[in-house]
């Protein structure tokens, strides 16, 4: 009975000792690796992660439609530039997107998340871009928003004396606007190499006297000298 109890008690201690030895062996092997291995490992991991992200992600397509502001009779031609800036700001508002959803066939939330408008400081032109996973839907959304914006400008032309006319319709894009897997792989490669370099900077360095693959031995602290015979230590 006593022998069985001693064996059961020694088993966890032996397992813990084996675990510590394996951990020490792994640390010793990691210390024995050359410093540039961190750079290579980080770059490879980043490149693989970036390439995998580019392959898994759904490609997005962007189509752009253009309208131009035209001044009416008796209106200052310079006013068209100011109204073009104003219409570019309201192109993504609910009043315009509410009408555009009828022609685009998508809800307002989709238009609000997928459509953006830009203006030029030199020309009275408004560009409306739409992004979608389908090329035909991207073109339909861009054209629908410009159509609704042109309609709103025509309804208020009596007071503004400026109208919007379609300058160019949106065409179905032939290539995605998102980055290709090769580009995302290169970005991941650069980021992984940078992280590997940072890890190399904070890695504990081995001194010249330490043998490779071994941790430096601990130096015992100083011990008090024994008192000489017949001499009492001061109190």
C-alpha atoms as a PDB file:
ATOM      1  CA  UNK A   1       0.000   0.000   0.000  1.00  0.00           C
ATOM      2  CA  UNK A   2       2.762   2.479   0.943  1.00  0.00           C
ATOM      3  CA  UNK A   3       4.699   1.720  -2.251  1.00  0.00           C
ATOM      4  CA  UNK A   4       1.632   2.423  -4.396  1.00  0.00           C
ATOM      5  CA  UNK A   5       1.036   5.758  -2.658  1.00  0.00           C
ATOM      6  CA  UNK A   6       4.643   6.843  -3.169  1.00  0.00           C
ATOM      7  CA  UNK A   7       4.471   5.929  -6.866  1.00  0.00           C
ATOM      8  CA  UNK A   8       1.231   7.910  -7.315  1.00  0.00           C
ATOM      9  CA  UNK A   9       2.741  10.956  -5.630  1.00  0.00           C
ATOM     10  CA  UNK A  10       5.923  10.855  -7.677  1.00  0.00           C
ATOM     11  CA  UNK A  11       4.080  10.565 -11.032  1.00  0.00           C
ATOM     12  CA  UNK A  12       2.878  14.233 -11.186  1.00  0.00           C
ATOM     13  CA  UNK A  13       6.333  15.439 -10.206  1.00  0.00           C
ATOM     14  CA  UNK A  14       7.954  13.395 -12.946  1.00  0.00           C
ATOM     15  CA  UNK A  15       5.449  14.690 -15.536  1.00  0.00           C
ATOM     16  CA  UNK A  16       6.068  18.285 -14.467  1.00  0.00           C
ATOM     17  CA  UNK A  17       9.812  17.750 -14.713  1.00  0.00           C
ATOM     18  CA  UNK A  18       9.463  16.298 -18.201  1.00  0.00           C
ATOM     19  CA  UNK A  19       7.358  19.275 -19.238  1.00  0.00           C
ATOM     20  CA  UNK A  20       9.956  21.706 -17.950  1.00  0.00           C
ATOM     21  CA  UNK A  21      12.692  19.850 -19.810  1.00  0.00           C
ATOM     22  CA  UNK A  22      10.730  19.998 -23.069  1.00  0.00           C
ATOM     23  CA  UNK A  23      10.119  23.727 -22.583  1.00  0.00           C
ATOM     24  CA  UNK A  24      13.803  24.301 -21.924  1.00  0.00           C
ATOM     25  CA  UNK A  25      14.708  22.288 -25.031  1.00  0.00           C
ATOM     26  CA  UNK A  26      12.353  24.360 -27.193  1.00  0.00           C
ATOM     27  CA  UNK A  27      13.784  27.600 -25.819  1.00  0.00           C
ATOM     28  CA  UNK A  28      17.301  26.352 -26.458  1.00  0.00           C
ATOM     29  CA  UNK A  29      16.447  25.557 -30.079  1.00  0.00           C
ATOM     30  CA  UNK A  30      14.839  28.942 -30.585  1.00  0.00           C
ATOM     31  CA  UNK A  31      17.909  30.679 -29.195  1.00  0.00           C
ATOM     32  CA  UNK A  32      20.110  28.655 -31.544  1.00  0.00           C
ATOM     33  CA  UNK A  33      18.271  29.968 -34.631  1.00  0.00           C
ATOM     34  CA  UNK A  34      20.015  32.735 -36.608  1.00  0.00           C
ATOM     35  CA  UNK A  35      18.660  36.266 -36.085  1.00  0.00           C
ATOM     36  CA  UNK A  36      17.474  36.647 -39.676  1.00  0.00           C
ATOM     37  CA  UNK A  37      15.066  33.726 -39.238  1.00  0.00           C
ATOM     38  CA  UNK A  38      12.576  36.090 -37.549  1.00  0.00           C
ATOM     39  CA  UNK A  39      12.524  38.302 -40.631  1.00  0.00           C
ATOM     40  CA  UNK A  40      11.978  35.341 -42.954  1.00  0.00           C
ATOM     41  CA  UNK A  41       9.268  33.808 -40.777  1.00  0.00           C
ATOM     42  CA  UNK A  42       7.419  37.114 -40.433  1.00  0.00           C
ATOM     43  CA  UNK A  43       7.592  37.872 -44.152  1.00  0.00           C
ATOM     44  CA  UNK A  44       6.383  34.384 -45.131  1.00  0.00           C
ATOM     45  CA  UNK A  45       3.514  34.458 -42.627  1.00  0.00           C
ATOM     46  CA  UNK A  46       2.446  37.933 -43.738  1.00  0.00           C
ATOM     47  CA  UNK A  47       2.632  37.049 -47.426  1.00  0.00           C
ATOM     48  CA  UNK A  48       0.557  33.905 -46.979  1.00  0.00           C
ATOM     49  CA  UNK A  49      -2.043  35.731 -44.886  1.00  0.00           C
ATOM     50  CA  UNK A  50      -2.304  38.600 -47.379  1.00  0.00           C
ATOM     51  CA  UNK A  51      -2.601  36.286 -50.365  1.00  0.00           C
ATOM     52  CA  UNK A  52      -5.261  34.178 -48.635  1.00  0.00           C
ATOM     53  CA  UNK A  53      -7.247  37.320 -47.791  1.00  0.00           C
ATOM     54  CA  UNK A  54      -7.136  38.441 -51.416  1.00  0.00           C
ATOM     55  CA  UNK A  55      -8.403  35.035 -52.586  1.00  0.00           C
ATOM     56  CA  UNK A  56     -11.205  34.721 -50.033  1.00  0.00           C
ATOM     57  CA  UNK A  57     -12.512  38.297 -50.274  1.00  0.00           C
ATOM     58  CA  UNK A  58     -15.297  38.948 -52.777  1.00  0.00           C
ATOM     59  CA  UNK A  59     -14.128  41.294 -55.587  1.00  0.00           C
ATOM     60  CA  UNK A  60     -15.891  44.650 -55.790  1.00  0.00           C
ATOM     61  CA  UNK A  61     -16.655  46.625 -58.958  1.00  0.00           C
ATOM     62  CA  UNK A  62     -17.040  50.398 -59.227  1.00  0.00           C
ATOM     63  CA  UNK A  63     -18.995  52.288 -61.923  1.00  0.00           C
ATOM     64  CA  UNK A  64     -19.125  56.083 -62.289  1.00  0.00           C
ATOM     65  CA  UNK A  65     -21.713  58.363 -63.890  1.00  0.00           C
ATOM     66  CA  UNK A  66     -21.254  62.104 -64.557  1.00  0.00           C
ATOM     67  CA  UNK A  67     -23.617  65.084 -64.657  1.00  0.00           C
ATOM     68  CA  UNK A  68     -22.767  68.702 -65.445  1.00  0.00           C
ATOM     69  CA  UNK A  69     -24.396  71.888 -64.160  1.00  0.00           C
ATOM     70  CA  UNK A  70     -25.645  74.194 -66.915  1.00  0.00           C
ATOM     71  CA  UNK A  71     -26.633  77.817 -66.167  1.00  0.00           C
ATOM     72  CA  UNK A  72     -29.947  79.029 -67.528  1.00  0.00           C
ATOM     73  CA  UNK A  73     -30.768  82.250 -69.377  1.00  0.00           C
ATOM     74  CA  UNK A  74     -29.936  85.339 -67.386  1.00  0.00           C
ATOM     75  CA  UNK A  75     -27.871  83.380 -64.882  1.00  0.00           C
ATOM     76  CA  UNK A  76     -24.248  83.999 -63.994  1.00  0.00           C
ATOM     77  CA  UNK A  77     -22.087  81.241 -65.554  1.00  0.00           C
ATOM     78  CA  UNK A  78     -19.931  81.212 -62.410  1.00  0.00           C
ATOM     79  CA  UNK A  79     -22.989  80.233 -60.357  1.00  0.00           C
ATOM     80  CA  UNK A  80     -23.040  76.831 -62.044  1.00  0.00           C
ATOM     81  CA  UNK A  81     -19.824  75.871 -60.247  1.00  0.00           C
ATOM     82  CA  UNK A  82     -21.305  76.711 -56.871  1.00  0.00           C
ATOM     83  CA  UNK A  83     -24.497  74.793 -57.558  1.00  0.00           C
ATOM     84  CA  UNK A  84     -22.495  71.803 -58.746  1.00  0.00           C
ATOM     85  CA  UNK A  85     -20.759  71.758 -55.371  1.00  0.00           C
ATOM     86  CA  UNK A  86     -24.128  71.943 -53.638  1.00  0.00           C
ATOM     87  CA  UNK A  87     -25.671  69.147 -55.681  1.00  0.00           C
ATOM     88  CA  UNK A  88     -22.619  66.988 -54.996  1.00  0.00           C
ATOM     89  CA  UNK A  89     -23.333  67.269 -51.267  1.00  0.00           C
ATOM     90  CA  UNK A  90     -27.014  66.328 -51.567  1.00  0.00           C
ATOM     91  CA  UNK A  91     -26.454  63.478 -54.024  1.00  0.00           C
ATOM     92  CA  UNK A  92     -26.149  60.949 -51.187  1.00  0.00           C
ATOM     93  CA  UNK A  93     -28.957  62.367 -49.061  1.00  0.00           C
ATOM     94  CA  UNK A  94     -32.210  60.551 -48.382  1.00  0.00           C
ATOM     95  CA  UNK A  95     -34.280  62.823 -50.632  1.00  0.00           C
ATOM     96  CA  UNK A  96     -32.259  61.759 -53.677  1.00  0.00           C
ATOM     97  CA  UNK A  97     -31.617  58.144 -52.702  1.00  0.00           C
ATOM     98  CA  UNK A  98     -35.307  57.606 -51.966  1.00  0.00           C
ATOM     99  CA  UNK A  99     -36.112  58.251 -55.631  1.00  0.00           C
ATOM    100  CA  UNK A 100     -33.051  56.409 -56.899  1.00  0.00           C
ATOM    101  CA  UNK A 101     -34.009  53.146 -55.181  1.00  0.00           C
ATOM    102  CA  UNK A 102     -36.959  52.777 -57.543  1.00  0.00           C
ATOM    103  CA  UNK A 103     -34.729  52.687 -60.636  1.00  0.00           C
ATOM    104  CA  UNK A 104     -31.822  50.844 -59.013  1.00  0.00           C
ATOM    105  CA  UNK A 105     -33.977  48.104 -57.508  1.00  0.00           C
ATOM    106  CA  UNK A 106     -32.118  48.118 -54.173  1.00  0.00           C
ATOM    107  CA  UNK A 107     -33.059  49.598 -50.772  1.00  0.00           C
ATOM    108  CA  UNK A 108     -31.881  52.987 -49.585  1.00  0.00           C
ATOM    109  CA  UNK A 109     -29.482  51.413 -47.063  1.00  0.00           C
ATOM    110  CA  UNK A 110     -27.618  49.682 -49.882  1.00  0.00           C
ATOM    111  CA  UNK A 111     -27.365  52.915 -51.870  1.00  0.00           C
ATOM    112  CA  UNK A 112     -26.150  54.841 -48.848  1.00  0.00           C
ATOM    113  CA  UNK A 113     -23.393  52.285 -48.194  1.00  0.00           C
ATOM    114  CA  UNK A 114     -22.362  51.879 -51.840  1.00  0.00           C
ATOM    115  CA  UNK A 115     -22.676  55.331 -53.460  1.00  0.00           C
ATOM    116  CA  UNK A 116     -20.375  58.319 -53.114  1.00  0.00           C
ATOM    117  CA  UNK A 117     -20.349  61.661 -54.928  1.00  0.00           C
ATOM    118  CA  UNK A 118     -17.413  63.915 -55.798  1.00  0.00           C
ATOM    119  CA  UNK A 119     -17.116  67.364 -57.323  1.00  0.00           C
ATOM    120  CA  UNK A 120     -14.383  69.285 -59.097  1.00  0.00           C
ATOM    121  CA  UNK A 121     -13.141  72.684 -57.898  1.00  0.00           C
ATOM    122  CA  UNK A 122     -12.510  73.792 -61.486  1.00  0.00           C
ATOM    123  CA  UNK A 123     -15.471  72.415 -63.457  1.00  0.00           C
ATOM    124  CA  UNK A 124     -19.236  72.382 -62.695  1.00  0.00           C
ATOM    125  CA  UNK A 125     -19.348  68.583 -62.783  1.00  0.00           C
ATOM    126  CA  UNK A 126     -20.575  65.948 -60.329  1.00  0.00           C
ATOM    127  CA  UNK A 127     -19.378  62.352 -60.451  1.00  0.00           C
ATOM    128  CA  UNK A 128     -21.431  59.619 -58.773  1.00  0.00           C
ATOM    129  CA  UNK A 129     -19.689  56.282 -58.142  1.00  0.00           C
ATOM    130  CA  UNK A 130     -21.322  53.063 -56.961  1.00  0.00           C
ATOM    131  CA  UNK A 131     -19.583  49.905 -55.734  1.00  0.00           C
ATOM    132  CA  UNK A 132     -21.038  46.400 -55.787  1.00  0.00           C
ATOM    133  CA  UNK A 133     -20.045  42.767 -56.160  1.00  0.00           C
ATOM    134  CA  UNK A 134     -21.947  42.761 -59.497  1.00  0.00           C
ATOM    135  CA  UNK A 135     -20.717  45.013 -62.326  1.00  0.00           C
ATOM    136  CA  UNK A 136     -24.190  45.523 -63.765  1.00  0.00           C
ATOM    137  CA  UNK A 137     -25.642  46.510 -60.395  1.00  0.00           C
ATOM    138  CA  UNK A 138     -22.863  49.026 -59.814  1.00  0.00           C
ATOM    139  CA  UNK A 139     -23.658  50.723 -63.133  1.00  0.00           C
ATOM    140  CA  UNK A 140     -27.405  50.673 -62.431  1.00  0.00           C
ATOM    141  CA  UNK A 141     -26.986  52.289 -59.012  1.00  0.00           C
ATOM    142  CA  UNK A 142     -24.733  55.068 -60.348  1.00  0.00           C
ATOM    143  CA  UNK A 143     -27.141  55.860 -63.193  1.00  0.00           C
ATOM    144  CA  UNK A 144     -30.145  55.763 -60.856  1.00  0.00           C
ATOM    145  CA  UNK A 145     -28.629  58.293 -58.476  1.00  0.00           C
ATOM    146  CA  UNK A 146     -27.652  60.695 -61.273  1.00  0.00           C
ATOM    147  CA  UNK A 147     -31.141  60.371 -62.741  1.00  0.00           C
ATOM    148  CA  UNK A 148     -32.741  61.226 -59.391  1.00  0.00           C
ATOM    149  CA  UNK A 149     -30.301  64.103 -58.864  1.00  0.00           C
ATOM    150  CA  UNK A 150     -31.070  65.516 -62.317  1.00  0.00           C
ATOM    151  CA  UNK A 151     -34.780  65.331 -61.578  1.00  0.00           C
ATOM    152  CA  UNK A 152     -34.386  67.253 -58.309  1.00  0.00           C
ATOM    153  CA  UNK A 153     -32.328  69.913 -60.071  1.00  0.00           C
ATOM    154  CA  UNK A 154     -35.006  70.286 -62.764  1.00  0.00           C
ATOM    155  CA  UNK A 155     -37.757  70.700 -60.155  1.00  0.00           C
ATOM    156  CA  UNK A 156     -35.865  73.573 -58.513  1.00  0.00           C
ATOM    157  CA  UNK A 157     -34.546  75.176 -61.715  1.00  0.00           C
ATOM    158  CA  UNK A 158     -37.078  78.014 -61.514  1.00  0.00           C
ATOM    159  CA  UNK A 159     -35.374  79.365 -58.416  1.00  0.00           C
ATOM    160  CA  UNK A 160     -31.760  78.366 -59.045  1.00  0.00           C
ATOM    161  CA  UNK A 161     -31.674  78.976 -62.822  1.00  0.00           C
ATOM    162  CA  UNK A 162     -29.275  76.028 -63.025  1.00  0.00           C
ATOM    163  CA  UNK A 163     -30.052  72.571 -64.371  1.00  0.00           C
ATOM    164  CA  UNK A 164     -28.143  69.304 -64.379  1.00  0.00           C
ATOM    165  CA  UNK A 165     -27.581  67.351 -67.571  1.00  0.00           C
ATOM    166  CA  UNK A 166     -26.183  63.888 -67.908  1.00  0.00           C
ATOM    167  CA  UNK A 167     -22.647  64.075 -69.218  1.00  0.00           C
ATOM    168  CA  UNK A 168     -21.723  60.366 -69.309  1.00  0.00           C
ATOM    169  CA  UNK A 169     -23.596  57.228 -68.361  1.00  0.00           C
ATOM    170  CA  UNK A 170     -22.016  54.569 -66.170  1.00  0.00           C
ATOM    171  CA  UNK A 171     -20.655  51.522 -67.951  1.00  0.00           C
ATOM    172  CA  UNK A 172     -20.204  48.056 -66.514  1.00  0.00           C
ATOM    173  CA  UNK A 173     -16.615  47.745 -65.237  1.00  0.00           C
ATOM    174  CA  UNK A 174     -14.582  44.944 -66.743  1.00  0.00           C
ATOM    175  CA  UNK A 175     -12.128  44.614 -63.856  1.00  0.00           C
ATOM    176  CA  UNK A 176     -12.639  44.778 -60.084  1.00  0.00           C
ATOM    177  CA  UNK A 177     -11.646  47.918 -58.244  1.00  0.00           C
ATOM    178  CA  UNK A 178     -10.333  46.009 -55.223  1.00  0.00           C
ATOM    179  CA  UNK A 179      -6.733  44.876 -54.935  1.00  0.00           C
ATOM    180  CA  UNK A 180      -5.736  41.558 -56.474  1.00  0.00           C
ATOM    181  CA  UNK A 181      -4.378  38.636 -54.389  1.00  0.00           C
ATOM    182  CA  UNK A 182      -0.873  39.452 -55.626  1.00  0.00           C
ATOM    183  CA  UNK A 183      -1.118  43.001 -54.268  1.00  0.00           C
ATOM    184  CA  UNK A 184      -2.567  41.899 -50.928  1.00  0.00           C
ATOM    185  CA  UNK A 185       0.164  39.259 -50.710  1.00  0.00           C
ATOM    186  CA  UNK A 186       2.860  41.895 -51.227  1.00  0.00           C
ATOM    187  CA  UNK A 187       1.265  44.114 -48.599  1.00  0.00           C
ATOM    188  CA  UNK A 188       1.171  41.210 -46.155  1.00  0.00           C
ATOM    189  CA  UNK A 189       4.783  40.358 -47.015  1.00  0.00           C
ATOM    190  CA  UNK A 190       5.889  43.897 -46.172  1.00  0.00           C
ATOM    191  CA  UNK A 191       3.878  43.995 -42.947  1.00  0.00           C
ATOM    192  CA  UNK A 192       5.175  40.598 -41.862  1.00  0.00           C
ATOM    193  CA  UNK A 193       8.756  41.617 -42.562  1.00  0.00           C
ATOM    194  CA  UNK A 194       8.258  44.775 -40.520  1.00  0.00           C
ATOM    195  CA  UNK A 195       6.857  42.828 -37.580  1.00  0.00           C
ATOM    196  CA  UNK A 196       9.722  40.351 -37.851  1.00  0.00           C
ATOM    197  CA  UNK A 197      12.205  43.216 -37.731  1.00  0.00           C
ATOM    198  CA  UNK A 198      10.523  44.643 -34.633  1.00  0.00           C
ATOM    199  CA  UNK A 199      10.636  41.214 -32.987  1.00  0.00           C
ATOM    200  CA  UNK A 200      14.319  41.001 -33.868  1.00  0.00           C
ATOM    201  CA  UNK A 201      14.963  44.306 -32.110  1.00  0.00           C
ATOM    202  CA  UNK A 202      13.314  43.219 -28.858  1.00  0.00           C
ATOM    203  CA  UNK A 203      14.806  39.694 -28.957  1.00  0.00           C
ATOM    204  CA  UNK A 204      17.207  39.026 -26.075  1.00  0.00           C
ATOM    205  CA  UNK A 205      20.735  39.023 -27.377  1.00  0.00           C
ATOM    206  CA  UNK A 206      23.372  36.438 -26.525  1.00  0.00           C
ATOM    207  CA  UNK A 207      26.729  37.668 -25.271  1.00  0.00           C
ATOM    208  CA  UNK A 208      30.009  36.639 -26.850  1.00  0.00           C
ATOM    209  CA  UNK A 209      30.978  34.374 -23.935  1.00  0.00           C
ATOM    210  CA  UNK A 210      27.765  32.366 -23.956  1.00  0.00           C
ATOM    211  CA  UNK A 211      27.939  29.094 -25.930  1.00  0.00           C
ATOM    212  CA  UNK A 212      25.288  28.787 -28.672  1.00  0.00           C
ATOM    213  CA  UNK A 213      22.180  26.867 -27.723  1.00  0.00           C
ATOM    214  CA  UNK A 214      22.655  27.241 -23.968  1.00  0.00           C
ATOM    215  CA  UNK A 215      21.296  29.723 -21.498  1.00  0.00           C
ATOM    216  CA  UNK A 216      23.814  31.610 -19.363  1.00  0.00           C
ATOM    217  CA  UNK A 217      24.366  30.024 -15.982  1.00  0.00           C
ATOM    218  CA  UNK A 218      23.071  31.851 -12.946  1.00  0.00           C
ATOM    219  CA  UNK A 219      25.750  33.514 -10.818  1.00  0.00           C
ATOM    220  CA  UNK A 220      25.257  32.950  -7.072  1.00  0.00           C
ATOM    221  CA  UNK A 221      25.092  36.012  -4.878  1.00  0.00           C
ATOM    222  CA  UNK A 222      27.786  36.930  -2.381  1.00  0.00           C
ATOM    223  CA  UNK A 223      27.688  35.131   0.957  1.00  0.00           C
ATOM    224  CA  UNK A 224      28.816  36.681   4.236  1.00  0.00           C
ATOM    225  CA  UNK A 225      32.371  35.793   5.282  1.00  0.00           C
ATOM    226  CA  UNK A 226      32.662  33.585   8.387  1.00  0.00           C
ATOM    227  CA  UNK A 227      33.741  35.368  11.539  1.00  0.00           C
ATOM    228  CA  UNK A 228      37.346  34.820  12.587  1.00  0.00           C
ATOM    229  CA  UNK A 229      38.052  32.725  15.628  1.00  0.00           C
ATOM    230  CA  UNK A 230      37.965  34.754  18.824  1.00  0.00           C
ATOM    231  CA  UNK A 231      36.480  37.834  17.095  1.00  0.00           C
ATOM    232  CA  UNK A 232      32.932  38.708  17.875  1.00  0.00           C
ATOM    233  CA  UNK A 233      30.699  40.218  15.239  1.00  0.00           C
ATOM    234  CA  UNK A 234      29.620  43.765  16.036  1.00  0.00           C
ATOM    235  CA  UNK A 235      26.126  44.092  17.392  1.00  0.00           C
END
